[in-house]
């Protein structure tokens, strides 16, 4: 598979970095490119309900989830909160993440 994987490692309090990741995903969707977006480490907290004070970030996340899907490393269950069920997050293990990364031309980490 060609394209870009977006790896979100920053938590929701790092608004600038997370916003860049979500805007990049939205821009790619606007050009009919389907990025893979994976949340890992502190980034998993971005998947909690009301994680962002800015509703535009939640809208970017929901649009990306609806059109391209979002993934989280399976330890997401241990992130200290519930993942928003409306996002339809696909939980993957570290092995699955490595396999996904091999399929993409580039990986951008935020």
C-alpha atoms as a PDB file:
ATOM      1  CA  UNK A   1       0.000   0.000   0.000  1.00  0.00           C
ATOM      2  CA  UNK A   2       1.286   3.453  -0.817  1.00  0.00           C
ATOM      3  CA  UNK A   3       0.645   6.498   1.253  1.00  0.00           C
ATOM      4  CA  UNK A   4       1.262   7.847   4.701  1.00  0.00           C
ATOM      5  CA  UNK A   5       0.771   6.510   8.193  1.00  0.00           C
ATOM      6  CA  UNK A   6       0.169   9.159  10.843  1.00  0.00           C
ATOM      7  CA  UNK A   7       1.347   8.081  14.281  1.00  0.00           C
ATOM      8  CA  UNK A   8      -0.052  10.192  17.138  1.00  0.00           C
ATOM      9  CA  UNK A   9       2.022   9.874  20.303  1.00  0.00           C
ATOM     10  CA  UNK A  10       1.155  13.266  21.847  1.00  0.00           C
ATOM     11  CA  UNK A  11      -1.676  13.618  24.327  1.00  0.00           C
ATOM     12  CA  UNK A  12      -4.622  15.989  23.930  1.00  0.00           C
ATOM     13  CA  UNK A  13      -2.944  18.655  26.054  1.00  0.00           C
ATOM     14  CA  UNK A  14      -0.333  19.051  23.290  1.00  0.00           C
ATOM     15  CA  UNK A  15      -2.940  20.685  21.107  1.00  0.00           C
ATOM     16  CA  UNK A  16      -0.555  22.001  18.435  1.00  0.00           C
ATOM     17  CA  UNK A  17       0.990  18.627  17.622  1.00  0.00           C
ATOM     18  CA  UNK A  18      -2.313  16.750  17.676  1.00  0.00           C
ATOM     19  CA  UNK A  19      -3.968  19.470  15.590  1.00  0.00           C
ATOM     20  CA  UNK A  20      -1.203  19.139  12.961  1.00  0.00           C
ATOM     21  CA  UNK A  21      -1.765  15.382  12.781  1.00  0.00           C
ATOM     22  CA  UNK A  22      -5.545  15.684  12.464  1.00  0.00           C
ATOM     23  CA  UNK A  23      -5.347  18.512   9.914  1.00  0.00           C
ATOM     24  CA  UNK A  24      -2.898  16.467   7.835  1.00  0.00           C
ATOM     25  CA  UNK A  25      -5.299  13.520   7.903  1.00  0.00           C
ATOM     26  CA  UNK A  26      -8.214  15.784   6.893  1.00  0.00           C
ATOM     27  CA  UNK A  27      -6.189  17.328   4.058  1.00  0.00           C
ATOM     28  CA  UNK A  28      -5.254  13.904   2.741  1.00  0.00           C
ATOM     29  CA  UNK A  29      -8.894  12.844   2.821  1.00  0.00           C
ATOM     30  CA  UNK A  30      -9.720  15.979   0.834  1.00  0.00           C
ATOM     31  CA  UNK A  31      -7.412  14.690  -1.913  1.00  0.00           C
ATOM     32  CA  UNK A  32      -8.930  11.183  -1.823  1.00  0.00           C
ATOM     33  CA  UNK A  33      -5.899   9.752  -0.041  1.00  0.00           C
ATOM     34  CA  UNK A  34      -6.666   7.440   2.855  1.00  0.00           C
ATOM     35  CA  UNK A  35      -4.050   7.777   5.576  1.00  0.00           C
ATOM     36  CA  UNK A  36      -3.694   5.270   8.356  1.00  0.00           C
ATOM     37  CA  UNK A  37      -3.871   7.053  11.680  1.00  0.00           C
ATOM     38  CA  UNK A  38      -2.637   5.200  14.750  1.00  0.00           C
ATOM     39  CA  UNK A  39      -2.736   6.412  18.348  1.00  0.00           C
ATOM     40  CA  UNK A  40      -0.071   5.159  20.725  1.00  0.00           C
ATOM     41  CA  UNK A  41       1.303   6.089  24.151  1.00  0.00           C
ATOM     42  CA  UNK A  42      -0.162   9.403  25.386  1.00  0.00           C
ATOM     43  CA  UNK A  43      -1.941   9.849  22.049  1.00  0.00           C
ATOM     44  CA  UNK A  44      -4.503   7.246  23.077  1.00  0.00           C
ATOM     45  CA  UNK A  45      -6.004   9.811  25.448  1.00  0.00           C
ATOM     46  CA  UNK A  46      -7.073  11.763  22.342  1.00  0.00           C
ATOM     47  CA  UNK A  47      -9.602   8.981  21.790  1.00  0.00           C
ATOM     48  CA  UNK A  48     -11.427   9.583  25.077  1.00  0.00           C
ATOM     49  CA  UNK A  49     -14.799  11.344  24.937  1.00  0.00           C
ATOM     50  CA  UNK A  50     -14.414  15.135  25.205  1.00  0.00           C
ATOM     51  CA  UNK A  51     -10.607  14.871  25.029  1.00  0.00           C
ATOM     52  CA  UNK A  52     -10.364  18.256  23.306  1.00  0.00           C
ATOM     53  CA  UNK A  53     -11.613  21.642  24.464  1.00  0.00           C
ATOM     54  CA  UNK A  54     -11.692  22.785  20.807  1.00  0.00           C
ATOM     55  CA  UNK A  55     -14.679  21.169  19.066  1.00  0.00           C
ATOM     56  CA  UNK A  56     -12.930  21.513  15.675  1.00  0.00           C
ATOM     57  CA  UNK A  57     -10.330  18.940  16.753  1.00  0.00           C
ATOM     58  CA  UNK A  58     -13.060  16.498  17.717  1.00  0.00           C
ATOM     59  CA  UNK A  59     -14.679  17.095  14.306  1.00  0.00           C
ATOM     60  CA  UNK A  60     -11.374  16.367  12.508  1.00  0.00           C
ATOM     61  CA  UNK A  61     -10.970  13.195  14.538  1.00  0.00           C
ATOM     62  CA  UNK A  62     -14.540  12.048  13.878  1.00  0.00           C
ATOM     63  CA  UNK A  63     -14.251  12.743  10.131  1.00  0.00           C
ATOM     64  CA  UNK A  64     -10.999  10.798   9.950  1.00  0.00           C
ATOM     65  CA  UNK A  65     -12.531   7.918  11.896  1.00  0.00           C
ATOM     66  CA  UNK A  66     -15.592   7.873   9.632  1.00  0.00           C
ATOM     67  CA  UNK A  67     -13.706   8.034   6.335  1.00  0.00           C
ATOM     68  CA  UNK A  68     -10.377   6.311   6.943  1.00  0.00           C
ATOM     69  CA  UNK A  69     -10.689   4.603  10.309  1.00  0.00           C
ATOM     70  CA  UNK A  70      -8.459   4.968  13.332  1.00  0.00           C
ATOM     71  CA  UNK A  71      -6.311   2.465  15.131  1.00  0.00           C
ATOM     72  CA  UNK A  72      -4.846   2.316  18.614  1.00  0.00           C
ATOM     73  CA  UNK A  73      -2.232   0.012  20.069  1.00  0.00           C
ATOM     74  CA  UNK A  74      -4.011  -2.600  22.189  1.00  0.00           C
ATOM     75  CA  UNK A  75      -2.593  -1.227  25.442  1.00  0.00           C
ATOM     76  CA  UNK A  76      -5.100   1.584  24.851  1.00  0.00           C
ATOM     77  CA  UNK A  77      -7.426  -0.196  27.247  1.00  0.00           C
ATOM     78  CA  UNK A  78      -4.916   0.680  29.985  1.00  0.00           C
ATOM     79  CA  UNK A  79      -4.879   4.402  29.128  1.00  0.00           C
ATOM     80  CA  UNK A  80      -6.953   5.387  32.127  1.00  0.00           C
ATOM     81  CA  UNK A  81     -10.261   6.042  30.406  1.00  0.00           C
ATOM     82  CA  UNK A  82     -12.801   4.755  27.977  1.00  0.00           C
ATOM     83  CA  UNK A  83     -12.303   5.111  24.254  1.00  0.00           C
ATOM     84  CA  UNK A  84     -15.137   7.004  22.542  1.00  0.00           C
ATOM     85  CA  UNK A  85     -17.291   4.256  20.974  1.00  0.00           C
ATOM     86  CA  UNK A  86     -18.459   6.567  18.157  1.00  0.00           C
ATOM     87  CA  UNK A  87     -14.922   6.516  16.703  1.00  0.00           C
ATOM     88  CA  UNK A  88     -14.964   2.777  15.968  1.00  0.00           C
ATOM     89  CA  UNK A  89     -11.325   2.394  16.991  1.00  0.00           C
ATOM     90  CA  UNK A  90      -9.576  -0.740  15.773  1.00  0.00           C
ATOM     91  CA  UNK A  91      -7.251  -2.064  18.491  1.00  0.00           C
ATOM     92  CA  UNK A  92      -3.994  -3.567  17.218  1.00  0.00           C
ATOM     93  CA  UNK A  93      -0.949  -5.044  18.928  1.00  0.00           C
ATOM     94  CA  UNK A  94       2.634  -3.888  18.500  1.00  0.00           C
ATOM     95  CA  UNK A  95       3.173  -6.636  15.936  1.00  0.00           C
ATOM     96  CA  UNK A  96       0.192  -5.349  13.980  1.00  0.00           C
ATOM     97  CA  UNK A  97       1.606  -1.831  14.123  1.00  0.00           C
ATOM     98  CA  UNK A  98       4.945  -2.993  12.734  1.00  0.00           C
ATOM     99  CA  UNK A  99       3.188  -4.889   9.941  1.00  0.00           C
ATOM    100  CA  UNK A 100       1.107  -1.804   9.085  1.00  0.00           C
ATOM    101  CA  UNK A 101       4.198   0.430   9.068  1.00  0.00           C
ATOM    102  CA  UNK A 102       5.867  -1.855   6.524  1.00  0.00           C
ATOM    103  CA  UNK A 103       2.965  -1.290   4.125  1.00  0.00           C
ATOM    104  CA  UNK A 104       3.366   2.486   3.923  1.00  0.00           C
ATOM    105  CA  UNK A 105       5.875   4.635   2.095  1.00  0.00           C
ATOM    106  CA  UNK A 106       6.249   7.075   5.001  1.00  0.00           C
ATOM    107  CA  UNK A 107       5.340   7.423   8.660  1.00  0.00           C
ATOM    108  CA  UNK A 108       4.826  10.844  10.246  1.00  0.00           C
ATOM    109  CA  UNK A 109       4.967  10.976  14.035  1.00  0.00           C
ATOM    110  CA  UNK A 110       3.289  13.730  16.019  1.00  0.00           C
END
